Amino acid sequence: MLIVVFFSYLDRVNVSILVVDPGFLDAMGISQSSVQKGLLMSLFLAAYGIGNVLLSPVGDMIGPRKAMSISIVIWSISLAIGGIAGTFGIMLASRVLLGLGEGMHFPMQSKFIKEWFPPNERGKANAVWQTGMALAPAIAMPFFAWLIHAAGWRESFFILLSLGLIPLYLVLNYTADTPQESKKINDLELRYIQAGLAAEKSRQSLVKPTFAEGIKSFASNYQFWLIVVYYMVHTSILWGAMTWLPSYLKEARGFSWEAMGALASLPWFLGLVTKILSGVLADRFKRRAPIILVAMIGVGVGIYCGATAESNMGAAIFLAVGVGFIGLGGPTAWTLMQDIVPGKGISTAAGVMNGVGNGFSSLAPLVIGFLISITGSYMGGLLYLVGCAAIGAIAMLILIANGR
């Protein structure tokens, strides 16, 4: 799961470096438009959100293994289109297709975790696969900065296309929808997993194995929707920072191309640490919402200090710490959702959570680009991310008051 999500995030973040590359911007005719730069990520996220909501039930119908394989094939086709794109319109079409394909994939991660791990291990399990979300940009930022600068922007798409064969091979050959279907599991492990899942089901009301009952299992639960609100601002911070941080470091703070690539990777290396810490804390303390609250406070304070710092290096470090804190909330939020939603509705609930969250977050790159275009400054865009952190903190305070 970690490897699959790692490669899916590589496919997403190359555009963060492309919007700083003069060759790509000239080829697409968007050199002077911050709004169009933001649109490259925003349109992907909008399609990604739609794909999550509309396509996530596929995992409940045909199983996560087949659904994830189909999604990888779709996003591979999108990369081929991006590599040969001759106009901005075709590039946007490739981003939409990438969003739809990856929108089917992400909920399958949660489906696998729900089926394979008892509740007392899900915090660490979620933390492990979600480290791919931080590891990918940590490696990709300096790698693509070097690759695009040395070889050209089209080559980045074709390299990603070939790398996509790795997760496809692994999913087809090394996963099974459930432990019972796996040929690689032993009897002791199978009994251990089944005992943990049976204990969880005994604490939940019986849910009929239908699509409608799966939706009913979470649709009226306000705690689920508070998690969705949190995830909306969580992903807004994630994608807003991922899209514009390289540009901010190079254009607003004056770092060289090489320094920009290195500093842009720093938040995601810190995110590796906070994601693992999130999983350990979630399993140890059982209360999930306080961990996410600390994450939002760290994000808000770090980004605000980064936006107002006089020193360029100080601003880069503050932003790295602030964005790095986002990792403390991600795995815990998914673990909390998996606590609340019964197994039969988990793919759909995960799709709704990720789809609505990323659908809303599609505004962030566009809003930040708009604020840059009308003010000539990045300050408004950074404060937008601080406001998102404040909303997430409020949602968690309500869940804390309700024992979560």
Protein backbone atom coordinates (compact mmCIF):
# COMPACT_ATOMS: atom_id res chain seq x y z
CA MET A 1 0.00 0.00 0.00
CA LEU A 2 2.87 2.36 0.77
CA ILE A 3 4.51 1.71 -2.60
CA VAL A 4 1.26 2.20 -4.52
CA VAL A 5 0.45 5.52 -2.87
CA PHE A 6 4.08 6.61 -3.28
CA PHE A 7 3.89 6.27 -7.06
CA SER A 8 0.43 7.84 -7.22
CA TYR A 9 1.77 10.94 -5.46
CA LEU A 10 4.80 11.11 -7.75
CA ASP A 11 2.33 11.47 -10.62
CA ARG A 12 0.62 14.37 -8.89
CA VAL A 13 3.51 16.49 -7.69
CA ASN A 14 5.51 16.83 -10.90
CA VAL A 15 3.27 19.75 -11.82
CA SER A 16 4.50 21.61 -8.72
CA ILE A 17 7.94 21.83 -10.33
CA LEU A 18 6.58 22.26 -13.87
CA VAL A 19 4.88 25.55 -12.93
CA VAL A 20 8.34 26.96 -12.14
CA ASP A 21 9.92 25.65 -15.38
CA PRO A 22 10.10 28.30 -18.15
CA GLY A 23 10.12 25.67 -20.92
CA PHE A 24 6.87 24.10 -19.76
CA LEU A 25 5.20 27.45 -19.12
CA ASP A 26 6.14 28.75 -22.59
CA ALA A 27 4.97 25.51 -24.29
CA MET A 28 1.59 25.78 -22.53
CA GLY A 29 1.35 29.57 -22.98
CA ILE A 30 0.75 30.28 -19.28
CA SER A 31 3.93 32.10 -18.26
CA GLN A 32 2.10 35.20 -17.09
CA SER A 33 -0.97 33.61 -15.48
CA SER A 34 -0.92 32.49 -11.85
CA VAL A 35 -4.56 31.44 -12.16
CA GLN A 36 -3.82 29.03 -15.02
CA LYS A 37 -0.88 27.60 -13.09
CA GLY A 38 -3.18 26.93 -10.16
CA LEU A 39 -5.77 25.44 -12.50
CA LEU A 40 -3.42 22.56 -13.34
CA MET A 41 -3.69 21.28 -9.78
CA SER A 42 -7.23 22.50 -9.09
CA LEU A 43 -8.76 20.71 -12.09
CA PHE A 44 -6.96 17.51 -11.13
CA LEU A 45 -8.29 17.77 -7.57
CA ALA A 46 -11.85 18.48 -8.75
CA ALA A 47 -11.81 15.35 -10.95
CA TYR A 48 -10.12 13.45 -8.13
CA GLY A 49 -12.92 14.40 -5.76
CA ILE A 50 -15.57 13.32 -8.26
CA GLY A 51 -13.74 10.05 -8.86
CA ASN A 52 -13.61 9.32 -5.15
CA VAL A 53 -17.32 9.83 -4.61
CA LEU A 54 -18.64 8.21 -7.80
CA LEU A 55 -16.11 5.41 -8.32
CA SER A 56 -15.30 4.35 -4.75
CA PRO A 57 -18.29 1.92 -4.55
CA VAL A 58 -16.48 -0.13 -7.22
CA GLY A 59 -14.24 -1.42 -4.44
CA ASP A 60 -17.23 -2.78 -2.54
CA MET A 61 -18.57 -4.43 -5.71
CA ILE A 62 -15.51 -6.00 -7.37
CA GLY A 63 -12.97 -5.81 -4.55
CA PRO A 64 -10.06 -3.42 -3.94
CA ARG A 65 -7.48 -5.48 -5.86
CA LYS A 66 -9.25 -5.24 -9.21
CA ALA A 67 -10.40 -1.67 -8.63
CA MET A 68 -6.89 -0.49 -7.76
CA SER A 69 -5.43 -2.22 -10.83
CA ILE A 70 -7.94 -0.49 -13.10
CA SER A 71 -7.13 2.88 -11.54
CA ILE A 72 -3.40 2.43 -12.17
CA VAL A 73 -4.07 1.68 -15.85
CA ILE A 74 -6.20 4.84 -16.13
CA TRP A 75 -3.62 7.11 -14.57
CA SER A 76 -0.91 5.59 -16.78
CA ILE A 77 -2.91 6.57 -19.86
CA SER A 78 -3.20 10.11 -18.49
CA LEU A 79 0.58 10.36 -18.15
CA ALA A 80 1.06 9.34 -21.78
CA ILE A 81 -1.34 12.09 -22.85
CA GLY A 82 0.47 14.63 -20.66
CA GLY A 83 3.83 13.74 -22.18
CA ILE A 84 2.67 14.41 -25.75
CA ALA A 85 0.37 17.36 -24.97
CA GLY A 86 0.86 20.24 -27.36
CA THR A 87 -1.69 22.64 -25.89
CA PHE A 88 -2.81 23.74 -22.45
CA GLY A 89 -6.27 22.27 -23.10
CA ILE A 90 -4.86 18.78 -23.73
CA MET A 91 -2.70 19.09 -20.62
CA LEU A 92 -5.80 19.94 -18.59
CA ALA A 93 -7.59 16.91 -20.08
CA SER A 94 -4.72 14.67 -18.96
CA ARG A 95 -5.00 16.12 -15.45
CA VAL A 96 -8.73 15.36 -15.37
CA LEU A 97 -8.12 11.75 -16.42
CA LEU A 98 -5.38 11.43 -13.81
CA GLY A 99 -7.79 12.71 -11.17
CA LEU A 100 -10.51 10.23 -12.11
CA GLY A 101 -8.09 7.30 -12.12
CA GLU A 102 -6.48 8.17 -8.81
CA GLY A 103 -9.89 9.00 -7.37
CA MET A 104 -10.82 5.32 -7.71
CA HIS A 105 -7.55 4.20 -6.13
CA PHE A 106 -7.38 6.07 -2.85
CA PRO A 107 -10.46 4.60 -1.08
CA MET A 108 -9.14 1.12 -1.84
CA GLN A 109 -6.27 1.80 0.58
CA SER A 110 -8.79 2.17 3.39
CA LYS A 111 -10.73 -0.89 2.21
CA PHE A 112 -7.57 -3.01 2.45
CA ILE A 113 -6.74 -1.69 5.93
CA LYS A 114 -10.27 -2.33 7.21
CA GLU A 115 -10.21 -5.93 5.94
CA TRP A 116 -6.64 -6.83 6.92
CA PHE A 117 -5.98 -5.15 10.28
CA PRO A 118 -7.78 -5.39 13.64
CA PRO A 119 -8.68 -2.01 15.20
CA ASN A 120 -5.74 -1.94 17.62
CA GLU A 121 -3.27 -2.00 14.70
CA ARG A 122 -4.93 0.38 12.25
CA GLY A 123 -3.24 3.52 13.52
CA LYS A 124 0.22 2.20 12.66
CA ALA A 125 -1.04 0.52 9.47
CA ASN A 126 -2.52 3.80 8.23
CA ALA A 127 0.65 5.65 9.23
CA VAL A 128 2.82 3.24 7.23
CA TRP A 129 0.98 3.51 3.92
CA GLN A 130 0.41 7.25 4.35
CA THR A 131 4.14 7.83 4.68
CA GLY A 132 4.09 7.36 0.91
CA MET A 133 2.17 10.64 0.69
CA ALA A 134 5.11 12.43 2.33
CA LEU A 135 7.92 10.30 0.92
CA ALA A 136 6.87 10.95 -2.69
CA PRO A 137 7.09 14.77 -2.63
CA ALA A 138 10.18 14.61 -0.41
CA ILE A 139 11.98 12.67 -3.13
CA ALA A 140 10.14 14.14 -6.12
CA MET A 141 10.78 17.83 -5.43
CA PRO A 142 14.58 17.69 -5.80
CA PHE A 143 14.42 14.83 -8.33
CA PHE A 144 12.06 16.61 -10.73
CA ALA A 145 13.89 19.90 -10.21
CA TRP A 146 17.02 18.13 -11.45
CA LEU A 147 15.32 16.04 -14.17
CA ILE A 148 13.25 18.83 -15.72
CA HIS A 149 16.16 21.25 -15.62
CA ALA A 150 18.55 18.71 -17.16
CA ALA A 151 16.39 16.75 -19.63
CA GLY A 152 13.12 18.58 -20.22
CA TRP A 153 9.56 18.52 -18.93
CA ARG A 154 8.14 15.92 -21.35
CA GLU A 155 10.61 13.31 -20.15
CA SER A 156 9.21 13.56 -16.62
CA PHE A 157 5.85 12.22 -17.84
CA PHE A 158 7.34 9.25 -19.69
CA ILE A 159 9.54 8.30 -16.74
CA LEU A 160 6.48 8.34 -14.48
CA LEU A 161 4.60 6.22 -17.03
CA SER A 162 7.26 3.52 -16.92
CA LEU A 163 7.48 3.62 -13.13
CA GLY A 164 3.73 3.04 -12.94
CA LEU A 165 4.28 -0.57 -13.99
CA ILE A 166 5.80 -1.25 -10.56
CA PRO A 167 2.65 -0.71 -8.44
CA LEU A 168 0.50 -2.46 -11.06
CA TYR A 169 2.69 -5.56 -10.85
CA LEU A 170 2.67 -5.51 -7.04
CA VAL A 171 -1.11 -5.13 -6.75
CA LEU A 172 -1.80 -7.96 -9.19
CA ASN A 173 0.69 -10.37 -7.65
CA TYR A 174 0.96 -9.52 -3.96
CA THR A 175 -2.47 -8.46 -2.73
CA ALA A 176 -5.77 -10.18 -1.95
CA ASP A 177 -9.10 -8.56 -1.13
CA THR A 178 -9.34 -10.33 2.24
CA PRO A 179 -7.01 -12.46 4.39
CA GLN A 180 -9.17 -15.51 3.65
CA GLU A 181 -8.42 -15.16 -0.07
CA SER A 182 -4.65 -14.80 0.34
CA LYS A 183 -2.38 -17.72 -0.52
CA LYS A 184 0.48 -16.20 1.47
CA ILE A 185 -1.14 -15.98 4.92
CA ASN A 186 -0.62 -18.62 7.62
CA ASP A 187 -3.29 -20.03 9.94
CA LEU A 188 -2.07 -18.23 13.06
CA GLU A 189 -2.11 -14.83 11.35
CA LEU A 190 -5.53 -15.51 9.83
CA ARG A 191 -7.03 -16.47 13.21
CA TYR A 192 -5.51 -13.38 14.83
CA ILE A 193 -6.97 -11.03 12.21
CA GLN A 194 -10.38 -12.72 12.24
CA ALA A 195 -10.56 -12.53 16.04
CA GLY A 196 -9.87 -8.79 15.98
CA LEU A 197 -12.40 -8.12 13.24
CA ALA A 198 -15.03 -10.30 14.94
CA ALA A 199 -14.62 -8.37 18.19
CA GLU A 200 -15.10 -5.12 16.30
CA LYS A 201 -18.26 -6.36 14.55
CA SER A 202 -19.72 -7.49 17.87
CA ARG A 203 -19.58 -3.87 19.04
CA GLN A 204 -21.39 -2.57 15.96
CA SER A 205 -24.96 -2.90 14.86
CA LEU A 206 -25.59 -5.47 12.11
CA VAL A 207 -25.41 -3.91 8.67
CA LYS A 208 -26.99 -5.67 5.71
CA PRO A 209 -24.59 -6.31 2.83
CA THR A 210 -26.21 -3.81 0.45
CA PHE A 211 -25.00 -0.54 -1.02
CA ALA A 212 -27.91 1.38 0.53
CA GLU A 213 -27.27 -0.02 4.00
CA GLY A 214 -23.59 0.81 3.64
CA ILE A 215 -24.46 4.46 3.04
CA LYS A 216 -26.93 4.47 5.92
CA SER A 217 -24.22 3.21 8.25
CA PHE A 218 -22.49 6.62 8.19
CA ALA A 219 -24.65 9.18 6.36
CA SER A 220 -26.53 10.32 9.48
CA ASN A 221 -23.50 10.28 11.78
CA TYR A 222 -22.48 13.88 12.47
CA GLN A 223 -19.10 12.76 13.80
CA PHE A 224 -18.28 11.34 10.37
CA TRP A 225 -19.13 14.67 8.77
CA LEU A 226 -16.94 16.55 11.24
CA ILE A 227 -14.07 14.33 10.10
CA VAL A 228 -14.98 15.25 6.51
CA VAL A 229 -14.86 18.97 7.42
CA TYR A 230 -11.44 18.45 8.92
CA TYR A 231 -10.28 16.54 5.86
CA MET A 232 -11.49 19.34 3.58
CA VAL A 233 -9.13 21.82 5.21
CA HIS A 234 -6.39 19.21 5.71
CA THR A 235 -6.22 18.55 1.98
CA SER A 236 -6.50 22.27 1.21
CA ILE A 237 -3.35 22.87 3.22
CA LEU A 238 -1.66 19.86 1.65
CA TRP A 239 -2.37 20.75 -1.97
CA GLY A 240 -2.06 24.50 -1.52
CA ALA A 241 1.42 24.04 -0.09
CA MET A 242 2.42 21.32 -2.56
CA THR A 243 1.39 23.45 -5.54
CA TRP A 244 2.81 26.82 -4.52
CA LEU A 245 5.67 26.21 -2.08
CA PRO A 246 8.32 25.73 -4.82
CA SER A 247 7.15 28.92 -6.55
CA TYR A 248 7.11 30.83 -3.27
CA LEU A 249 10.64 29.76 -2.38
CA LYS A 250 12.03 30.66 -5.81
CA GLU A 251 10.04 33.78 -6.73
CA ALA A 252 9.16 35.40 -3.40
CA ARG A 253 12.19 34.35 -1.36
CA GLY A 254 14.78 34.31 -4.17
CA PHE A 255 16.29 30.87 -3.70
CA SER A 256 18.21 29.28 -6.56
CA TRP A 257 16.74 26.40 -8.58
CA GLU A 258 18.83 23.86 -6.67
CA ALA A 259 18.09 25.35 -3.24
CA MET A 260 14.39 25.53 -4.07
CA GLY A 261 14.30 21.81 -4.86
CA ALA A 262 16.01 20.91 -1.61
CA LEU A 263 13.98 23.25 0.62
CA ALA A 264 10.69 22.27 -1.04
CA SER A 265 11.34 18.67 -0.01
CA LEU A 266 11.97 19.52 3.65
CA PRO A 267 8.29 19.69 4.77
CA TRP A 268 7.67 16.22 3.37
CA PHE A 269 10.68 14.70 5.12
CA LEU A 270 9.32 16.14 8.36
CA GLY A 271 5.95 14.73 7.35
CA LEU A 272 7.44 11.24 7.34
CA VAL A 273 8.27 11.63 11.02
CA THR A 274 4.93 13.13 12.00
CA LYS A 275 2.95 10.47 10.11
CA ILE A 276 4.72 7.63 11.90
CA LEU A 277 4.32 9.48 15.22
CA SER A 278 0.62 9.90 14.44
CA GLY A 279 0.10 6.17 14.03
CA VAL A 280 1.98 5.31 17.23
CA LEU A 281 0.07 7.88 19.28
CA ALA A 282 -3.31 6.87 17.83
CA ASP A 283 -2.82 3.23 18.80
CA ARG A 284 -1.34 4.03 22.21
CA PHE A 285 -3.84 6.58 23.48
CA LYS A 286 -7.02 5.51 21.58
CA ARG A 287 -8.27 9.12 21.58
CA ARG A 288 -7.75 10.38 18.04
CA ALA A 289 -9.12 13.94 17.92
CA PRO A 290 -6.58 15.53 20.36
CA ILE A 291 -3.74 14.38 18.10
CA ILE A 292 -5.36 16.03 15.08
CA LEU A 293 -5.95 19.23 17.10
CA VAL A 294 -2.22 19.47 17.88
CA ALA A 295 -1.53 18.99 14.15
CA MET A 296 -3.76 21.92 13.21
CA ILE A 297 -2.21 24.19 15.82
CA GLY A 298 1.27 23.33 14.56
CA VAL A 299 0.25 23.93 10.94
CA GLY A 300 -1.34 27.30 11.66
CA VAL A 301 1.50 28.65 13.80
CA GLY A 302 4.23 27.38 11.46
CA ILE A 303 2.73 28.78 8.25
CA TYR A 304 1.90 32.14 9.88
CA CYS A 305 5.46 32.51 11.16
CA GLY A 306 6.78 31.51 7.74
CA ALA A 307 4.65 34.12 6.02
CA THR A 308 5.78 36.93 8.32
CA ALA A 309 9.45 36.02 8.86
CA GLU A 310 11.98 38.61 7.65
CA SER A 311 14.73 36.07 6.98
CA ASN A 312 14.35 34.02 3.81
CA MET A 313 15.89 30.92 5.40
CA GLY A 314 13.82 31.46 8.53
CA ALA A 315 10.66 31.61 6.42
CA ALA A 316 11.61 28.36 4.65
CA ILE A 317 12.22 26.58 7.96
CA PHE A 318 9.00 27.83 9.57
CA LEU A 319 7.01 26.75 6.52
CA ALA A 320 8.69 23.36 6.53
CA VAL A 321 7.75 22.81 10.18
CA GLY A 322 4.21 24.09 9.66
CA VAL A 323 3.48 21.99 6.60
CA GLY A 324 5.28 19.04 8.20
CA PHE A 325 2.78 19.10 11.07
CA ILE A 326 0.01 18.12 8.61
CA GLY A 327 1.36 14.57 8.76
CA LEU A 328 0.35 14.28 12.40
CA GLY A 329 -3.32 14.51 11.46
CA GLY A 330 -3.67 12.43 8.28
CA PRO A 331 -3.26 8.83 9.49
CA THR A 332 -5.18 9.55 12.70
CA ALA A 333 -8.13 10.99 10.76
CA TRP A 334 -8.38 7.83 8.65
CA THR A 335 -8.12 5.67 11.75
CA LEU A 336 -10.90 7.67 13.38
CA MET A 337 -13.10 7.26 10.31
CA GLN A 338 -12.45 3.51 10.29
CA ASP A 339 -13.47 3.39 13.97
CA ILE A 340 -16.82 4.99 13.21
CA VAL A 341 -17.86 3.41 9.90
CA PRO A 342 -18.82 -0.32 9.67
CA GLY A 343 -16.93 -2.51 7.21
CA LYS A 344 -19.68 -2.80 4.58
CA GLY A 345 -19.68 0.96 4.05
CA ILE A 346 -15.99 1.62 4.35
CA SER A 347 -15.11 2.01 0.64
CA THR A 348 -18.03 4.38 0.08
CA ALA A 349 -17.32 6.34 3.27
CA ALA A 350 -13.64 6.60 2.37
CA GLY A 351 -14.61 7.79 -1.10
CA VAL A 352 -16.94 10.43 0.31
CA MET A 353 -14.37 11.63 2.83
CA ASN A 354 -11.52 11.76 0.33
CA GLY A 355 -13.72 12.96 -2.53
CA VAL A 356 -15.40 15.81 -0.68
CA GLY A 357 -12.13 16.72 0.99
CA ASN A 358 -10.13 16.85 -2.21
CA GLY A 359 -13.01 18.34 -4.16
CA PHE A 360 -13.07 21.27 -1.77
CA SER A 361 -9.28 21.45 -1.71
CA SER A 362 -9.31 21.93 -5.49
CA LEU A 363 -10.15 25.55 -4.68
CA ALA A 364 -6.91 26.06 -2.76
CA PRO A 365 -4.37 26.16 -5.64
CA LEU A 366 -6.77 28.31 -7.67
CA VAL A 367 -7.60 30.68 -4.79
CA ILE A 368 -3.92 31.11 -3.94
CA GLY A 369 -3.13 31.77 -7.61
CA PHE A 370 -5.95 34.34 -7.76
CA LEU A 371 -4.71 36.07 -4.61
CA ILE A 372 -1.20 36.22 -6.04
CA SER A 373 -2.48 37.69 -9.31
CA ILE A 374 -4.52 40.48 -7.68
CA THR A 375 -2.10 41.39 -4.88
CA GLY A 376 1.28 40.58 -6.37
CA SER A 377 2.12 38.86 -3.07
CA TYR A 378 1.97 35.38 -1.55
CA MET A 379 0.84 36.67 1.86
CA GLY A 380 -2.89 36.30 1.22
CA GLY A 381 -2.48 32.74 -0.02
CA LEU A 382 -0.48 31.70 3.06
CA LEU A 383 -3.05 33.28 5.38
CA TYR A 384 -5.75 31.29 3.54
CA LEU A 385 -3.94 28.13 4.66
CA VAL A 386 -3.75 29.45 8.24
CA GLY A 387 -7.53 29.98 8.17
CA CYS A 388 -7.99 26.39 7.01
CA ALA A 389 -5.98 25.18 10.00
CA ALA A 390 -8.23 27.17 12.34
CA ILE A 391 -11.37 25.54 10.91
CA GLY A 392 -9.84 22.08 11.31
CA ALA A 393 -9.00 22.82 14.93
CA ILE A 394 -12.60 23.84 15.66
CA ALA A 395 -13.94 20.59 14.16
CA MET A 396 -11.58 18.59 16.37
CA LEU A 397 -12.58 20.52 19.50
CA ILE A 398 -16.18 19.41 18.92
CA LEU A 399 -15.09 15.77 18.52
CA ILE A 400 -12.94 16.01 21.66
CA ALA A 401 -16.00 17.22 23.57
CA ASN A 402 -17.79 14.08 22.34
CA GLY A 403 -15.14 11.69 23.60
CA ARG A 404 -13.22 11.15 20.39
